[in-house]
C-alpha atoms as a PDB file:
ATOM      1  CA  UNK A   1     100.009 113.494 112.358  1.00  0.00           C
ATOM      2  CA  UNK A   2      99.493 109.862 113.325  1.00  0.00           C
ATOM      3  CA  UNK A   3     101.360 107.228 111.280  1.00  0.00           C
ATOM      4  CA  UNK A   4      99.139 105.333 108.759  1.00  0.00           C
ATOM      5  CA  UNK A   5      99.272 101.992 110.609  1.00  0.00           C
ATOM      6  CA  UNK A   6      98.172 103.489 113.926  1.00  0.00           C
ATOM      7  CA  UNK A   7      95.529 105.597 112.192  1.00  0.00           C
ATOM      8  CA  UNK A   8      94.049 102.597 110.329  1.00  0.00           C
ATOM      9  CA  UNK A   9      94.070 100.494 113.508  1.00  0.00           C
ATOM     10  CA  UNK A  10      92.325 103.210 115.514  1.00  0.00           C
ATOM     11  CA  UNK A  11      89.810 103.931 112.740  1.00  0.00           C
ATOM     12  CA  UNK A  12      88.836 100.241 112.506  1.00  0.00           C
ATOM     13  CA  UNK A  13      88.599  99.838 116.295  1.00  0.00           C
ATOM     14  CA  UNK A  14      86.380 102.933 116.480  1.00  0.00           C
ATOM     15  CA  UNK A  15      84.198 101.559 113.682  1.00  0.00           C
ATOM     16  CA  UNK A  16      83.854  98.206 115.445  1.00  0.00           C
ATOM     17  CA  UNK A  17      82.826 100.020 118.635  1.00  0.00           C
ATOM     18  CA  UNK A  18      79.672 101.130 116.819  1.00  0.00           C
ATOM     19  CA  UNK A  19      78.755  97.438 116.550  1.00  0.00           C
ATOM     20  CA  UNK A  20      79.418  96.886 120.235  1.00  0.00           C
ATOM     21  CA  UNK A  21      82.819  95.272 119.750  1.00  0.00           C
ATOM     22  CA  UNK A  22      85.501  96.675 122.007  1.00  0.00           C
ATOM     23  CA  UNK A  23      88.403  94.601 120.768  1.00  0.00           C
ATOM     24  CA  UNK A  24      92.069  95.070 120.001  1.00  0.00           C
ATOM     25  CA  UNK A  25      92.860  94.838 116.291  1.00  0.00           C
ATOM     26  CA  UNK A  26      96.286  93.502 115.326  1.00  0.00           C
ATOM     27  CA  UNK A  27      98.041  95.827 112.844  1.00  0.00           C
ATOM     28  CA  UNK A  28     101.138  95.195 110.733  1.00  0.00           C
ATOM     29  CA  UNK A  29     102.474  96.588 107.494  1.00  0.00           C
ATOM     30  CA  UNK A  30     103.908  94.739 104.486  1.00  0.00           C
ATOM     31  CA  UNK A  31     106.597  97.280 103.604  1.00  0.00           C
ATOM     32  CA  UNK A  32     107.361  95.676 100.239  1.00  0.00           C
ATOM     33  CA  UNK A  33     103.823  96.010  98.894  1.00  0.00           C
ATOM     34  CA  UNK A  34     102.869  99.010 101.095  1.00  0.00           C
ATOM     35  CA  UNK A  35      99.751  97.318 102.452  1.00  0.00           C
ATOM     36  CA  UNK A  36      98.476  97.729 105.986  1.00  0.00           C
ATOM     37  CA  UNK A  37      97.326  94.354 107.350  1.00  0.00           C
ATOM     38  CA  UNK A  38      94.600  94.529 110.014  1.00  0.00           C
ATOM     39  CA  UNK A  39      93.422  91.381 111.778  1.00  0.00           C
ATOM     40  CA  UNK A  40      90.182  91.244 113.758  1.00  0.00           C
ATOM     41  CA  UNK A  41      90.102  88.318 116.240  1.00  0.00           C
ATOM     42  CA  UNK A  42      87.169  85.900 116.278  1.00  0.00           C
ATOM     43  CA  UNK A  43      84.004  87.284 117.885  1.00  0.00           C
ATOM     44  CA  UNK A  44      80.311  86.481 117.977  1.00  0.00           C
ATOM     45  CA  UNK A  45      79.888  88.861 115.019  1.00  0.00           C
ATOM     46  CA  UNK A  46      82.251  87.091 112.547  1.00  0.00           C
ATOM     47  CA  UNK A  47      79.474  86.323 110.058  1.00  0.00           C
ATOM     48  CA  UNK A  48      78.108  89.838 110.264  1.00  0.00           C
ATOM     49  CA  UNK A  49      81.546  91.443 109.734  1.00  0.00           C
ATOM     50  CA  UNK A  50      82.432  89.136 106.845  1.00  0.00           C
ATOM     51  CA  UNK A  51      79.051  89.287 105.105  1.00  0.00           C
ATOM     52  CA  UNK A  52      77.895  87.248 102.153  1.00  0.00           C
ATOM     53  CA  UNK A  53      80.964  86.163 100.135  1.00  0.00           C
ATOM     54  CA  UNK A  54      83.076  88.725 102.046  1.00  0.00           C
ATOM     55  CA  UNK A  55      81.157  91.749 100.734  1.00  0.00           C
ATOM     56  CA  UNK A  56      80.862  93.466 104.123  1.00  0.00           C
ATOM     57  CA  UNK A  57      84.537  92.842 104.831  1.00  0.00           C
ATOM     58  CA  UNK A  58      85.498  94.427 101.500  1.00  0.00           C
ATOM     59  CA  UNK A  59      83.291  97.412 102.300  1.00  0.00           C
ATOM     60  CA  UNK A  60      84.941  97.903 105.684  1.00  0.00           C
ATOM     61  CA  UNK A  61      88.306  97.644 103.969  1.00  0.00           C
ATOM     62  CA  UNK A  62      87.226 100.312 101.484  1.00  0.00           C
ATOM     63  CA  UNK A  63      86.127 102.616 104.322  1.00  0.00           C
ATOM     64  CA  UNK A  64      89.451 102.322 106.133  1.00  0.00           C
ATOM     65  CA  UNK A  65      91.421 102.868 102.873  1.00  0.00           C
ATOM     66  CA  UNK A  66      89.296 105.893 102.038  1.00  0.00           C
ATOM     67  CA  UNK A  67      89.869 107.374 105.490  1.00  0.00           C
ATOM     68  CA  UNK A  68      93.642 107.006 105.001  1.00  0.00           C
ATOM     69  CA  UNK A  69      93.453 108.698 101.582  1.00  0.00           C
ATOM     70  CA  UNK A  70      91.281 111.523 102.917  1.00  0.00           C
ATOM     71  CA  UNK A  71      93.868 112.215 105.613  1.00  0.00           C
ATOM     72  CA  UNK A  72      96.778 112.242 103.106  1.00  0.00           C
ATOM     73  CA  UNK A  73      98.582 109.185 104.434  1.00  0.00           C
ATOM     74  CA  UNK A  74     101.344 107.698 102.292  1.00  0.00           C
ATOM     75  CA  UNK A  75     100.100 104.102 102.619  1.00  0.00           C
ATOM     76  CA  UNK A  76      96.418 103.738 101.710  1.00  0.00           C
ATOM     77  CA  UNK A  77      96.079 100.080 100.709  1.00  0.00           C
ATOM     78  CA  UNK A  78      94.465  98.028 103.451  1.00  0.00           C
ATOM     79  CA  UNK A  79      93.849  94.308 103.914  1.00  0.00           C
ATOM     80  CA  UNK A  80      91.458  93.367 106.708  1.00  0.00           C
ATOM     81  CA  UNK A  81      90.850  89.788 107.874  1.00  0.00           C
ATOM     82  CA  UNK A  82      88.294  88.518 110.377  1.00  0.00           C
ATOM     83  CA  UNK A  83      89.203  85.338 112.293  1.00  0.00           C
ATOM     84  CA  UNK A  84      91.555  84.285 109.455  1.00  0.00           C
ATOM     85  CA  UNK A  85      88.604  84.084 107.041  1.00  0.00           C
ATOM     86  CA  UNK A  86      90.620  85.407 104.077  1.00  0.00           C
ATOM     87  CA  UNK A  87      93.611  83.216 104.834  1.00  0.00           C
ATOM     88  CA  UNK A  88      91.484  80.041 104.858  1.00  0.00           C
ATOM     89  CA  UNK A  89      89.592  81.193 101.761  1.00  0.00           C
ATOM     90  CA  UNK A  90      92.841  81.887  99.898  1.00  0.00           C
ATOM     91  CA  UNK A  91      94.166  78.451 100.815  1.00  0.00           C
ATOM     92  CA  UNK A  92      90.963  76.805  99.467  1.00  0.00           C
ATOM     93  CA  UNK A  93      91.215  78.846  96.252  1.00  0.00           C
ATOM     94  CA  UNK A  94      94.903  77.880  95.806  1.00  0.00           C
ATOM     95  CA  UNK A  95      93.979  74.179  96.106  1.00  0.00           C
ATOM     96  CA  UNK A  96      91.245  74.621  93.452  1.00  0.00           C
ATOM     97  CA  UNK A  97      93.705  76.419  91.169  1.00  0.00           C
ATOM     98  CA  UNK A  98      96.183  73.560  91.463  1.00  0.00           C
ATOM     99  CA  UNK A  99      93.468  71.120  90.360  1.00  0.00           C
ATOM    100  CA  UNK A 100      92.408  73.394  87.516  1.00  0.00           C
ATOM    101  CA  UNK A 101      96.064  73.621  86.393  1.00  0.00           C
ATOM    102  CA  UNK A 102      96.293  69.819  86.294  1.00  0.00           C
ATOM    103  CA  UNK A 103      93.059  69.662  84.281  1.00  0.00           C
ATOM    104  CA  UNK A 104      94.440  72.199  81.763  1.00  0.00           C
ATOM    105  CA  UNK A 105      97.724  70.276  81.480  1.00  0.00           C
ATOM    106  CA  UNK A 106      96.040  66.969  80.864  1.00  0.00           C
ATOM    107  CA  UNK A 107      93.411  68.269  78.427  1.00  0.00           C
ATOM    108  CA  UNK A 108      95.777  70.778  76.764  1.00  0.00           C
ATOM    109  CA  UNK A 109      92.777  73.126  76.493  1.00  0.00           C
ATOM    110  CA  UNK A 110      92.476  76.540  78.108  1.00  0.00           C
ATOM    111  CA  UNK A 111      90.056  77.076  80.988  1.00  0.00           C
ATOM    112  CA  UNK A 112      88.115  80.300  81.508  1.00  0.00           C
ATOM    113  CA  UNK A 113      87.414  81.037  85.154  1.00  0.00           C
ATOM    114  CA  UNK A 114      84.417  82.926  86.460  1.00  0.00           C
ATOM    115  CA  UNK A 115      84.853  86.716  87.006  1.00  0.00           C
ATOM    116  CA  UNK A 116      86.597  87.432  90.317  1.00  0.00           C
ATOM    117  CA  UNK A 117      87.901  90.336  92.327  1.00  0.00           C
ATOM    118  CA  UNK A 118      91.495  91.493  92.044  1.00  0.00           C
ATOM    119  CA  UNK A 119      92.589  89.804  95.286  1.00  0.00           C
ATOM    120  CA  UNK A 120      91.351  86.415  94.074  1.00  0.00           C
ATOM    121  CA  UNK A 121      92.911  86.955  90.634  1.00  0.00           C
ATOM    122  CA  UNK A 122      96.229  87.692  92.383  1.00  0.00           C
ATOM    123  CA  UNK A 123      95.988  84.361  94.226  1.00  0.00           C
ATOM    124  CA  UNK A 124      95.330  82.528  90.923  1.00  0.00           C
ATOM    125  CA  UNK A 125      98.267  84.214  89.146  1.00  0.00           C
ATOM    126  CA  UNK A 126     100.621  83.551  92.092  1.00  0.00           C
ATOM    127  CA  UNK A 127      99.601  79.902  92.418  1.00  0.00           C
ATOM    128  CA  UNK A 128      99.917  79.256  88.679  1.00  0.00           C
ATOM    129  CA  UNK A 129     103.355  80.923  88.565  1.00  0.00           C
ATOM    130  CA  UNK A 130     104.579  78.213  90.957  1.00  0.00           C
ATOM    131  CA  UNK A 131     103.258  75.427  88.719  1.00  0.00           C
ATOM    132  CA  UNK A 132     105.010  74.470  85.489  1.00  0.00           C
ATOM    133  CA  UNK A 133     103.246  73.774  82.215  1.00  0.00           C
ATOM    134  CA  UNK A 134     100.494  76.406  82.466  1.00  0.00           C
ATOM    135  CA  UNK A 135     100.183  80.202  82.243  1.00  0.00           C
ATOM    136  CA  UNK A 136      97.469  82.710  83.086  1.00  0.00           C
ATOM    137  CA  UNK A 137      96.041  85.767  81.416  1.00  0.00           C
ATOM    138  CA  UNK A 138      93.518  88.267  82.775  1.00  0.00           C
ATOM    139  CA  UNK A 139      90.777  89.245  80.332  1.00  0.00           C
ATOM    140  CA  UNK A 140      87.738  91.503  80.366  1.00  0.00           C
ATOM    141  CA  UNK A 141      86.964  94.755  82.141  1.00  0.00           C
ATOM    142  CA  UNK A 142      85.482  95.747  85.471  1.00  0.00           C
ATOM    143  CA  UNK A 143      83.224  93.173  87.133  1.00  0.00           C
ATOM    144  CA  UNK A 144      83.604  90.876  84.114  1.00  0.00           C
ATOM    145  CA  UNK A 145      87.411  90.606  84.499  1.00  0.00           C
ATOM    146  CA  UNK A 146      88.395  86.960  84.627  1.00  0.00           C
ATOM    147  CA  UNK A 147      91.399  84.689  84.218  1.00  0.00           C
ATOM    148  CA  UNK A 148      92.110  82.194  81.492  1.00  0.00           C
ATOM    149  CA  UNK A 149      94.445  79.336  82.424  1.00  0.00           C
ATOM    150  CA  UNK A 150      96.320  78.160  79.315  1.00  0.00           C
ATOM    151  CA  UNK A 151      98.656  75.282  78.603  1.00  0.00           C
ATOM    152  CA  UNK A 152     102.221  76.577  78.225  1.00  0.00           C
ATOM    153  CA  UNK A 153     103.314  76.561  74.634  1.00  0.00           C
ATOM    154  CA  UNK A 154     106.429  74.523  73.862  1.00  0.00           C
ATOM    155  CA  UNK A 155     109.196  76.184  71.808  1.00  0.00           C
ATOM    156  CA  UNK A 156     109.167  75.356  68.078  1.00  0.00           C
ATOM    157  CA  UNK A 157     110.788  72.000  67.290  1.00  0.00           C
ATOM    158  CA  UNK A 158     110.246  70.516  70.762  1.00  0.00           C
ATOM    159  CA  UNK A 159     107.963  67.537  71.070  1.00  0.00           C
ATOM    160  CA  UNK A 160     106.175  66.545  74.222  1.00  0.00           C
END
């Protein structure tokens, strides 16, 4: 049996061949989080592979993850990026979160964010955890799951 990283890499390369892309996908594994990272280099089909708001990319990711599960591989979580699209998107989101955190600190009022996928929520939680004075909480279910950024409560008896 092929190891999960090689299997995922080969599966994605075979899938891309159907679109006329004969390219070498870079594959690594984050052992701590048990996630296979697959990186597709920039091509003339970047927009097509990413899709509107990354929907096509998430679908491809789901396909590769499902293929791993169906073949009983130990690691089945997959993160696919096309031409560093996700990396740049995550950096933009982190900058927005920093601004939102400052707004919450100065207004001392909580801020409800729009519903977002789990990967984006993870970026928000991680970014906020590095900033003092604010906390986050996920609320809602399914597609309506969203984050609320709240000012951190001071212990009783402490003034600002």
